[in-house]
All heavy atoms as atom14 arrays in JSON, in Angstrom:
{
  "sequence": "EQLAEEVLPRGEEPLVRLMLKYLLYRRNVICDPLFAEY",
  "atom14_mask": [
    [1, 1, 1, 1, 1, 1, 1, 1, 1, 0, 0, 0, 0, 0],
    [1, 1, 1, 1, 1, 1, 1, 1, 1, 0, 0, 0, 0, 0],
    [1, 1, 1, 1, 1, 1, 1, 1, 0, 0, 0, 0, 0, 0],
    [1, 1, 1, 1, 1, 0, 0, 0, 0, 0, 0, 0, 0, 0],
    [1, 1, 1, 1, 1, 1, 1, 1, 1, 0, 0, 0, 0, 0],
    [1, 1, 1, 1, 1, 1, 1, 1, 1, 0, 0, 0, 0, 0],
    [1, 1, 1, 1, 1, 1, 1, 0, 0, 0, 0, 0, 0, 0],
    [1, 1, 1, 1, 1, 1, 1, 1, 0, 0, 0, 0, 0, 0],
    [1, 1, 1, 1, 1, 1, 1, 0, 0, 0, 0, 0, 0, 0],
    [1, 1, 1, 1, 1, 1, 1, 1, 1, 1, 1, 0, 0, 0],
    [1, 1, 1, 1, 0, 0, 0, 0, 0, 0, 0, 0, 0, 0],
    [1, 1, 1, 1, 1, 1, 1, 1, 1, 0, 0, 0, 0, 0],
    [1, 1, 1, 1, 1, 1, 1, 1, 1, 0, 0, 0, 0, 0],
    [1, 1, 1, 1, 1, 1, 1, 0, 0, 0, 0, 0, 0, 0],
    [1, 1, 1, 1, 1, 1, 1, 1, 0, 0, 0, 0, 0, 0],
    [1, 1, 1, 1, 1, 1, 1, 0, 0, 0, 0, 0, 0, 0],
    [1, 1, 1, 1, 1, 1, 1, 1, 1, 1, 1, 0, 0, 0],
    [1, 1, 1, 1, 1, 1, 1, 1, 0, 0, 0, 0, 0, 0],
    [1, 1, 1, 1, 1, 1, 1, 1, 0, 0, 0, 0, 0, 0],
    [1, 1, 1, 1, 1, 1, 1, 1, 0, 0, 0, 0, 0, 0],
    [1, 1, 1, 1, 1, 1, 1, 1, 1, 0, 0, 0, 0, 0],
    [1, 1, 1, 1, 1, 1, 1, 1, 1, 1, 1, 1, 0, 0],
    [1, 1, 1, 1, 1, 1, 1, 1, 0, 0, 0, 0, 0, 0],
    [1, 1, 1, 1, 1, 1, 1, 1, 0, 0, 0, 0, 0, 0],
    [1, 1, 1, 1, 1, 1, 1, 1, 1, 1, 1, 1, 0, 0],
    [1, 1, 1, 1, 1, 1, 1, 1, 1, 1, 1, 0, 0, 0],
    [1, 1, 1, 1, 1, 1, 1, 1, 1, 1, 1, 0, 0, 0],
    [1, 1, 1, 1, 1, 1, 1, 1, 0, 0, 0, 0, 0, 0],
    [1, 1, 1, 1, 1, 1, 1, 0, 0, 0, 0, 0, 0, 0],
    [1, 1, 1, 1, 1, 1, 1, 1, 0, 0, 0, 0, 0, 0],
    [1, 1, 1, 1, 1, 1, 0, 0, 0, 0, 0, 0, 0, 0],
    [1, 1, 1, 1, 1, 1, 1, 1, 0, 0, 0, 0, 0, 0],
    [1, 1, 1, 1, 1, 1, 1, 0, 0, 0, 0, 0, 0, 0],
    [1, 1, 1, 1, 1, 1, 1, 1, 0, 0, 0, 0, 0, 0],
    [1, 1, 1, 1, 1, 1, 1, 1, 1, 1, 1, 0, 0, 0],
    [1, 1, 1, 1, 1, 0, 0, 0, 0, 0, 0, 0, 0, 0],
    [1, 1, 1, 1, 1, 1, 1, 1, 1, 0, 0, 0, 0, 0],
    [1, 1, 1, 1, 1, 1, 1, 1, 1, 1, 1, 1, 0, 0]
  ],
  "atom14_positions": [
    [[2.59, -6.34, 26.19], [3.7, -7.29, 26.2], [4.99, -6.61, 25.74], [6.07, -6.82, 26.3], [3.39, -8.48, 25.3], [2.36, -9.44, 25.85], [2.9, -10.25, 27.01], [3.98, -10.85, 26.88], [2.24, -10.26, 28.06], [0.0, 0.0, 0.0], [0.0, 0.0, 0.0], [0.0, 0.0, 0.0], [0.0, 0.0, 0.0], [0.0, 0.0, 0.0]],
    [[4.88, -5.78, 24.71], [6.04, -5.08, 24.17], [6.59, -4.06, 25.17], [7.8, -3.92, 25.33], [5.67, -4.38, 22.86], [6.83, -3.66, 22.18], [7.96, -4.6, 21.8], [7.72, -5.74, 21.4], [9.2, -4.15, 21.92], [0.0, 0.0, 0.0], [0.0, 0.0, 0.0], [0.0, 0.0, 0.0], [0.0, 0.0, 0.0], [0.0, 0.0, 0.0]],
    [[5.69, -3.36, 25.86], [6.13, -2.41, 26.88], [6.93, -3.12, 27.97], [7.97, -2.63, 28.42], [4.92, -1.71, 27.51], [4.2, -0.67, 26.66], [2.94, -0.19, 27.37], [5.1, 0.5, 26.33], [0.0, 0.0, 0.0], [0.0, 0.0, 0.0], [0.0, 0.0, 0.0], [0.0, 0.0, 0.0], [0.0, 0.0, 0.0], [0.0, 0.0, 0.0]],
    [[6.43, -4.27, 28.41], [7.14, -5.04, 29.44], [8.5, -5.5, 28.93], [9.5, -5.44, 29.64], [6.3, -6.24, 29.86], [0.0, 0.0, 0.0], [0.0, 0.0, 0.0], [0.0, 0.0, 0.0], [0.0, 0.0, 0.0], [0.0, 0.0, 0.0], [0.0, 0.0, 0.0], [0.0, 0.0, 0.0], [0.0, 0.0, 0.0], [0.0, 0.0, 0.0]],
    [[8.52, -5.95, 27.68], [9.77, -6.44, 27.08], [10.83, -5.35, 27.0], [12.02, -5.6, 27.18], [9.47, -6.99, 25.68], [10.66, -7.61, 24.97], [11.11, -8.92, 25.58], [10.3, -9.59, 26.25], [12.31, -9.28, 25.38], [0.0, 0.0, 0.0], [0.0, 0.0, 0.0], [0.0, 0.0, 0.0], [0.0, 0.0, 0.0], [0.0, 0.0, 0.0]],
    [[10.39, -4.12, 26.72], [11.34, -3.02, 26.56], [12.03, -2.64, 27.87], [13.19, -2.24, 27.86], [10.61, -1.8, 25.99], [10.23, -1.97, 24.52], [9.35, -0.83, 24.02], [9.06, 0.1, 24.82], [8.96, -0.86, 22.83], [0.0, 0.0, 0.0], [0.0, 0.0, 0.0], [0.0, 0.0, 0.0], [0.0, 0.0, 0.0], [0.0, 0.0, 0.0]],
    [[11.32, -2.74, 28.98], [11.93, -2.35, 30.26], [12.48, -3.53, 31.05], [13.31, -3.34, 31.94], [10.94, -1.55, 31.13], [10.59, -0.24, 30.46], [9.69, -2.35, 31.44], [0.0, 0.0, 0.0], [0.0, 0.0, 0.0], [0.0, 0.0, 0.0], [0.0, 0.0, 0.0], [0.0, 0.0, 0.0], [0.0, 0.0, 0.0], [0.0, 0.0, 0.0]],
    [[11.99, -4.74, 30.72], [12.49, -5.94, 31.42], [12.37, -7.13, 30.48], [11.32, -7.79, 30.43], [11.7, -6.19, 32.7], [12.24, -7.29, 33.63], [13.63, -6.93, 34.12], [11.29, -7.49, 34.8], [0.0, 0.0, 0.0], [0.0, 0.0, 0.0], [0.0, 0.0, 0.0], [0.0, 0.0, 0.0], [0.0, 0.0, 0.0], [0.0, 0.0, 0.0]],
    [[13.43, -7.44, 29.73], [13.37, -8.54, 28.75], [13.04, -9.88, 29.39], [13.33, -10.12, 30.56], [14.8, -8.55, 28.17], [15.32, -7.17, 28.41], [14.71, -6.74, 29.72], [0.0, 0.0, 0.0], [0.0, 0.0, 0.0], [0.0, 0.0, 0.0], [0.0, 0.0, 0.0], [0.0, 0.0, 0.0], [0.0, 0.0, 0.0], [0.0, 0.0, 0.0]],
    [[12.43, -10.73, 28.61], [12.06, -12.05, 29.08], [13.29, -12.81, 29.57], [14.34, -12.77, 28.94], [11.38, -12.84, 27.96], [10.81, -14.16, 28.41], [9.95, -14.8, 27.36], [9.35, -16.04, 27.87], [8.52, -16.8, 27.18], [8.18, -16.47, 25.95], [8.03, -17.9, 27.71], [0.0, 0.0, 0.0], [0.0, 0.0, 0.0], [0.0, 0.0, 0.0]],
    [[13.15, -13.47, 30.71], [14.26, -14.21, 31.29], [14.88, -13.49, 32.47], [15.59, -14.09, 33.28], [0.0, 0.0, 0.0], [0.0, 0.0, 0.0], [0.0, 0.0, 0.0], [0.0, 0.0, 0.0], [0.0, 0.0, 0.0], [0.0, 0.0, 0.0], [0.0, 0.0, 0.0], [0.0, 0.0, 0.0], [0.0, 0.0, 0.0], [0.0, 0.0, 0.0]],
    [[14.62, -12.18, 32.59], [15.16, -11.39, 33.7], [14.07, -11.16, 34.75], [12.96, -10.77, 34.41], [15.69, -10.04, 33.19], [16.83, -10.16, 32.2], [17.36, -8.8, 31.77], [17.05, -7.8, 32.45], [18.08, -8.74, 30.76], [0.0, 0.0, 0.0], [0.0, 0.0, 0.0], [0.0, 0.0, 0.0], [0.0, 0.0, 0.0], [0.0, 0.0, 0.0]],
    [[14.39, -11.41, 36.01], [13.47, -11.17, 37.12], [12.04, -11.63, 36.77], [11.11, -10.83, 36.7], [13.45, -9.69, 37.47], [14.8, -9.11, 37.86], [14.72, -7.62, 38.14], [14.24, -7.27, 39.24], [15.11, -6.82, 37.27], [0.0, 0.0, 0.0], [0.0, 0.0, 0.0], [0.0, 0.0, 0.0], [0.0, 0.0, 0.0], [0.0, 0.0, 0.0]],
    [[11.85, -12.91, 36.55], [10.57, -13.39, 36.01], [9.34, -13.07, 36.84], [8.27, -12.82, 36.28], [10.78, -14.9, 35.9], [11.93, -15.22, 36.79], [12.81, -14.02, 36.75], [0.0, 0.0, 0.0], [0.0, 0.0, 0.0], [0.0, 0.0, 0.0], [0.0, 0.0, 0.0], [0.0, 0.0, 0.0], [0.0, 0.0, 0.0], [0.0, 0.0, 0.0]],
    [[9.46, -13.05, 38.15], [8.28, -12.75, 38.96], [7.96, -11.25, 38.94], [6.79, -10.85, 38.93], [8.46, -13.24, 40.4], [7.17, -13.54, 41.18], [6.2, -14.38, 40.35], [7.51, -14.25, 42.47], [0.0, 0.0, 0.0], [0.0, 0.0, 0.0], [0.0, 0.0, 0.0], [0.0, 0.0, 0.0], [0.0, 0.0, 0.0], [0.0, 0.0, 0.0]],
    [[9.0, -10.44, 38.9], [8.8, -9.0, 38.72], [8.14, -8.76, 37.37], [7.21, -7.96, 37.24], [10.14, -8.23, 38.79], [9.94, -6.77, 38.37], [10.74, -8.31, 40.18], [0.0, 0.0, 0.0], [0.0, 0.0, 0.0], [0.0, 0.0, 0.0], [0.0, 0.0, 0.0], [0.0, 0.0, 0.0], [0.0, 0.0, 0.0], [0.0, 0.0, 0.0]],
    [[8.59, -9.49, 36.37], [8.03, -9.33, 35.02], [6.56, -9.73, 34.99], [5.75, -9.09, 34.32], [8.85, -10.16, 34.02], [8.59, -9.83, 32.57], [9.64, -10.49, 31.68], [9.52, -10.02, 30.32], [8.7, -10.53, 29.4], [7.93, -11.54, 29.73], [8.65, -10.03, 28.18], [0.0, 0.0, 0.0], [0.0, 0.0, 0.0], [0.0, 0.0, 0.0]],
    [[6.23, -10.78, 35.71], [4.83, -11.21, 35.77], [3.96, -10.12, 36.4], [2.9, -9.77, 35.87], [4.72, -12.51, 36.58], [3.3, -13.04, 36.83], [2.61, -13.36, 35.5], [3.36, -14.28, 37.71], [0.0, 0.0, 0.0], [0.0, 0.0, 0.0], [0.0, 0.0, 0.0], [0.0, 0.0, 0.0], [0.0, 0.0, 0.0], [0.0, 0.0, 0.0]],
    [[4.41, -9.57, 37.52], [3.65, -8.51, 38.17], [3.61, -7.25, 37.31], [2.59, -6.55, 37.26], [4.26, -8.2, 39.54], [4.09, -9.3, 40.57], [2.35, -9.54, 41.04], [2.05, -8.05, 41.99], [0.0, 0.0, 0.0], [0.0, 0.0, 0.0], [0.0, 0.0, 0.0], [0.0, 0.0, 0.0], [0.0, 0.0, 0.0], [0.0, 0.0, 0.0]],
    [[4.7, -6.96, 36.64], [4.74, -5.8, 35.74], [3.72, -5.95, 34.63], [2.99, -5.0, 34.3], [6.14, -5.66, 35.15], [6.3, -4.62, 34.02], [6.02, -3.22, 34.55], [7.71, -4.71, 33.43], [0.0, 0.0, 0.0], [0.0, 0.0, 0.0], [0.0, 0.0, 0.0], [0.0, 0.0, 0.0], [0.0, 0.0, 0.0], [0.0, 0.0, 0.0]],
    [[3.62, -7.13, 34.05], [2.66, -7.35, 32.96], [1.23, -7.2, 33.45], [0.39, -6.63, 32.76], [2.89, -8.71, 32.31], [4.17, -8.79, 31.49], [4.2, -9.97, 30.55], [4.27, -11.28, 31.27], [4.38, -12.42, 30.3], [0.0, 0.0, 0.0], [0.0, 0.0, 0.0], [0.0, 0.0, 0.0], [0.0, 0.0, 0.0], [0.0, 0.0, 0.0]],
    [[0.95, -7.68, 34.67], [-0.39, -7.51, 35.23], [-0.69, -6.03, 35.46], [-1.81, -5.57, 35.23], [-0.53, -8.3, 36.53], [-1.16, -9.66, 36.34], [-0.41, -10.82, 36.44], [-2.52, -9.78, 36.07], [-1.0, -12.07, 36.26], [-3.11, -11.03, 35.89], [-2.35, -12.16, 35.99], [-2.93, -13.39, 35.8], [0.0, 0.0, 0.0], [0.0, 0.0, 0.0]],
    [[0.3, -5.29, 35.94], [0.1, -3.86, 36.19], [-0.13, -3.11, 34.88], [-1.05, -2.27, 34.78], [1.31, -3.29, 36.93], [1.3, -1.78, 37.22], [0.04, -1.39, 37.99], [2.56, -1.39, 37.99], [0.0, 0.0, 0.0], [0.0, 0.0, 0.0], [0.0, 0.0, 0.0], [0.0, 0.0, 0.0], [0.0, 0.0, 0.0], [0.0, 0.0, 0.0]],
    [[0.68, -3.39, 33.87], [0.5, -2.74, 32.57], [-0.82, -3.14, 31.92], [-1.48, -2.33, 31.28], [1.68, -3.11, 31.65], [3.04, -2.56, 32.04], [4.12, -3.11, 31.11], [3.05, -1.03, 32.01], [0.0, 0.0, 0.0], [0.0, 0.0, 0.0], [0.0, 0.0, 0.0], [0.0, 0.0, 0.0], [0.0, 0.0, 0.0], [0.0, 0.0, 0.0]],
    [[-1.21, -4.4, 32.11], [-2.48, -4.88, 31.58], [-3.64, -4.13, 32.24], [-4.59, -3.72, 31.57], [-2.59, -6.38, 31.83], [-3.83, -7.03, 31.26], [-3.92, -7.32, 29.9], [-4.9, -7.38, 32.08], [-5.05, -7.93, 29.37], [-6.03, -7.98, 31.57], [-6.11, -8.26, 30.22], [-7.23, -8.85, 29.7], [0.0, 0.0, 0.0], [0.0, 0.0, 0.0]],
    [[-3.56, -3.95, 33.53], [-4.61, -3.19, 34.23], [-4.7, -1.78, 33.68], [-5.79, -1.29, 33.36], [-4.34, -3.16, 35.73], [-5.24, -2.18, 36.5], [-5.01, -2.28, 37.99], [-5.57, -1.12, 38.7], [-6.86, -0.96, 39.01], [-7.73, -1.88, 38.66], [-7.27, 0.11, 39.66], [0.0, 0.0, 0.0], [0.0, 0.0, 0.0], [0.0, 0.0, 0.0]],
    [[-3.56, -1.11, 33.57], [-3.57, 0.3, 33.16], [-3.95, 0.5, 31.69], [-4.65, 1.46, 31.36], [-2.18, 0.9, 33.42], [-1.87, 1.08, 34.89], [-0.49, 1.65, 35.1], [-0.26, 2.0, 36.5], [0.89, 2.47, 36.98], [1.93, 2.64, 36.16], [1.01, 2.77, 38.26], [0.0, 0.0, 0.0], [0.0, 0.0, 0.0], [0.0, 0.0, 0.0]],
    [[-3.49, -0.39, 30.84], [-3.66, -0.17, 29.4], [-4.83, -0.92, 28.77], [-5.23, -0.61, 27.65], [-2.37, -0.55, 28.66], [-1.22, 0.35, 29.02], [-1.25, 1.55, 28.79], [-0.19, -0.21, 29.63], [0.0, 0.0, 0.0], [0.0, 0.0, 0.0], [0.0, 0.0, 0.0], [0.0, 0.0, 0.0], [0.0, 0.0, 0.0], [0.0, 0.0, 0.0]],
    [[-5.35, -1.91, 29.48], [-6.44, -2.7, 28.91], [-7.68, -2.65, 29.82], [-8.73, -2.16, 29.42], [-6.01, -4.17, 28.68], [-7.14, -4.94, 27.99], [-4.75, -4.23, 27.83], [0.0, 0.0, 0.0], [0.0, 0.0, 0.0], [0.0, 0.0, 0.0], [0.0, 0.0, 0.0], [0.0, 0.0, 0.0], [0.0, 0.0, 0.0], [0.0, 0.0, 0.0]],
    [[-7.55, -3.15, 31.04], [-8.7, -3.25, 31.93], [-9.36, -1.89, 32.17], [-10.59, -1.78, 32.18], [-8.29, -3.87, 33.28], [-7.84, -5.32, 33.09], [-9.43, -3.81, 34.28], [-7.22, -5.93, 34.34], [0.0, 0.0, 0.0], [0.0, 0.0, 0.0], [0.0, 0.0, 0.0], [0.0, 0.0, 0.0], [0.0, 0.0, 0.0], [0.0, 0.0, 0.0]],
    [[-8.56, -0.86, 32.37], [-9.1, 0.46, 32.71], [-9.49, 1.29, 31.49], [-9.94, 2.43, 31.63], [-8.11, 1.23, 33.58], [-7.9, 0.51, 35.23], [0.0, 0.0, 0.0], [0.0, 0.0, 0.0], [0.0, 0.0, 0.0], [0.0, 0.0, 0.0], [0.0, 0.0, 0.0], [0.0, 0.0, 0.0], [0.0, 0.0, 0.0], [0.0, 0.0, 0.0]],
    [[-9.32, 0.74, 30.3], [-9.75, 1.43, 29.08], [-11.2, 1.07, 28.82], [-11.53, -0.12, 28.68], [-8.87, 1.0, 27.9], [-9.17, 1.8, 26.64], [-10.31, 2.28, 26.47], [-8.26, 1.93, 25.79], [0.0, 0.0, 0.0], [0.0, 0.0, 0.0], [0.0, 0.0, 0.0], [0.0, 0.0, 0.0], [0.0, 0.0, 0.0], [0.0, 0.0, 0.0]],
    [[-12.11, 2.05, 28.73], [-13.53, 1.76, 28.48], [-13.78, 0.91, 27.23], [-14.8, 0.22, 27.15], [-14.15, 3.15, 28.33], [-13.25, 4.04, 29.12], [-11.87, 3.49, 28.91], [0.0, 0.0, 0.0], [0.0, 0.0, 0.0], [0.0, 0.0, 0.0], [0.0, 0.0, 0.0], [0.0, 0.0, 0.0], [0.0, 0.0, 0.0], [0.0, 0.0, 0.0]],
    [[-12.85, 0.95, 26.27], [-13.01, 0.14, 25.06], [-13.03, -1.35, 25.39], [-13.72, -2.14, 24.74], [-11.88, 0.44, 24.07], [-11.83, -0.41, 22.8], [-13.11, -0.27, 21.98], [-10.62, -0.04, 21.96], [0.0, 0.0, 0.0], [0.0, 0.0, 0.0], [0.0, 0.0, 0.0], [0.0, 0.0, 0.0], [0.0, 0.0, 0.0], [0.0, 0.0, 0.0]],
    [[-12.27, -1.75, 26.42], [-12.1, -3.18, 26.71], [-12.77, -3.65, 28.0], [-12.93, -4.85, 28.19], [-10.62, -3.51, 26.78], [-9.87, -3.22, 25.52], [-9.03, -2.12, 25.43], [-10.03, -4.03, 24.4], [-8.35, -1.85, 24.25], [-9.35, -3.77, 23.22], [-8.51, -2.66, 23.14], [0.0, 0.0, 0.0], [0.0, 0.0, 0.0], [0.0, 0.0, 0.0]],
    [[-13.11, -2.73, 28.9], [-13.56, -3.12, 30.23], [-14.74, -4.1, 30.2], [-14.7, -5.15, 30.84], [-13.94, -1.87, 31.03], [0.0, 0.0, 0.0], [0.0, 0.0, 0.0], [0.0, 0.0, 0.0], [0.0, 0.0, 0.0], [0.0, 0.0, 0.0], [0.0, 0.0, 0.0], [0.0, 0.0, 0.0], [0.0, 0.0, 0.0], [0.0, 0.0, 0.0]],
    [[-15.78, -3.77, 29.44], [-16.96, -4.64, 29.4], [-16.65, -5.96, 28.7], [-17.1, -7.03, 29.14], [-18.1, -3.93, 28.67], [-19.4, -4.71, 28.66], [-20.51, -3.98, 27.93], [-20.25, -2.92, 27.34], [-21.64, -4.5, 27.95], [0.0, 0.0, 0.0], [0.0, 0.0, 0.0], [0.0, 0.0, 0.0], [0.0, 0.0, 0.0], [0.0, 0.0, 0.0]],
    [[-15.87, -5.89, 27.65], [-15.51, -7.09, 26.89], [-14.76, -8.07, 27.79], [-15.06, -9.27, 27.8], [-14.65, -6.7, 25.7], [-14.06, -7.86, 24.93], [-14.87, -8.71, 24.19], [-12.69, -8.1, 24.95], [-14.33, -9.78, 23.48], [-12.14, -9.16, 24.24], [-12.96, -9.99, 23.51], [-12.42, -11.05, 22.82], [0.0, 0.0, 0.0], [0.0, 0.0, 0.0]]
  ]
}
C-alpha cells in the first residue's frame, strides 16, 4: 500500500491505482513463498 501511495497518491487516477496495487500485491505478496500457501 505504501509503495503504491509513493508513486500514485490516493485520489489520483483511481483505476490505475487499483491495478497498480494488484500488480504490486502479486509481485510482493502472492509470489513470495512465505505467503503463497497462506
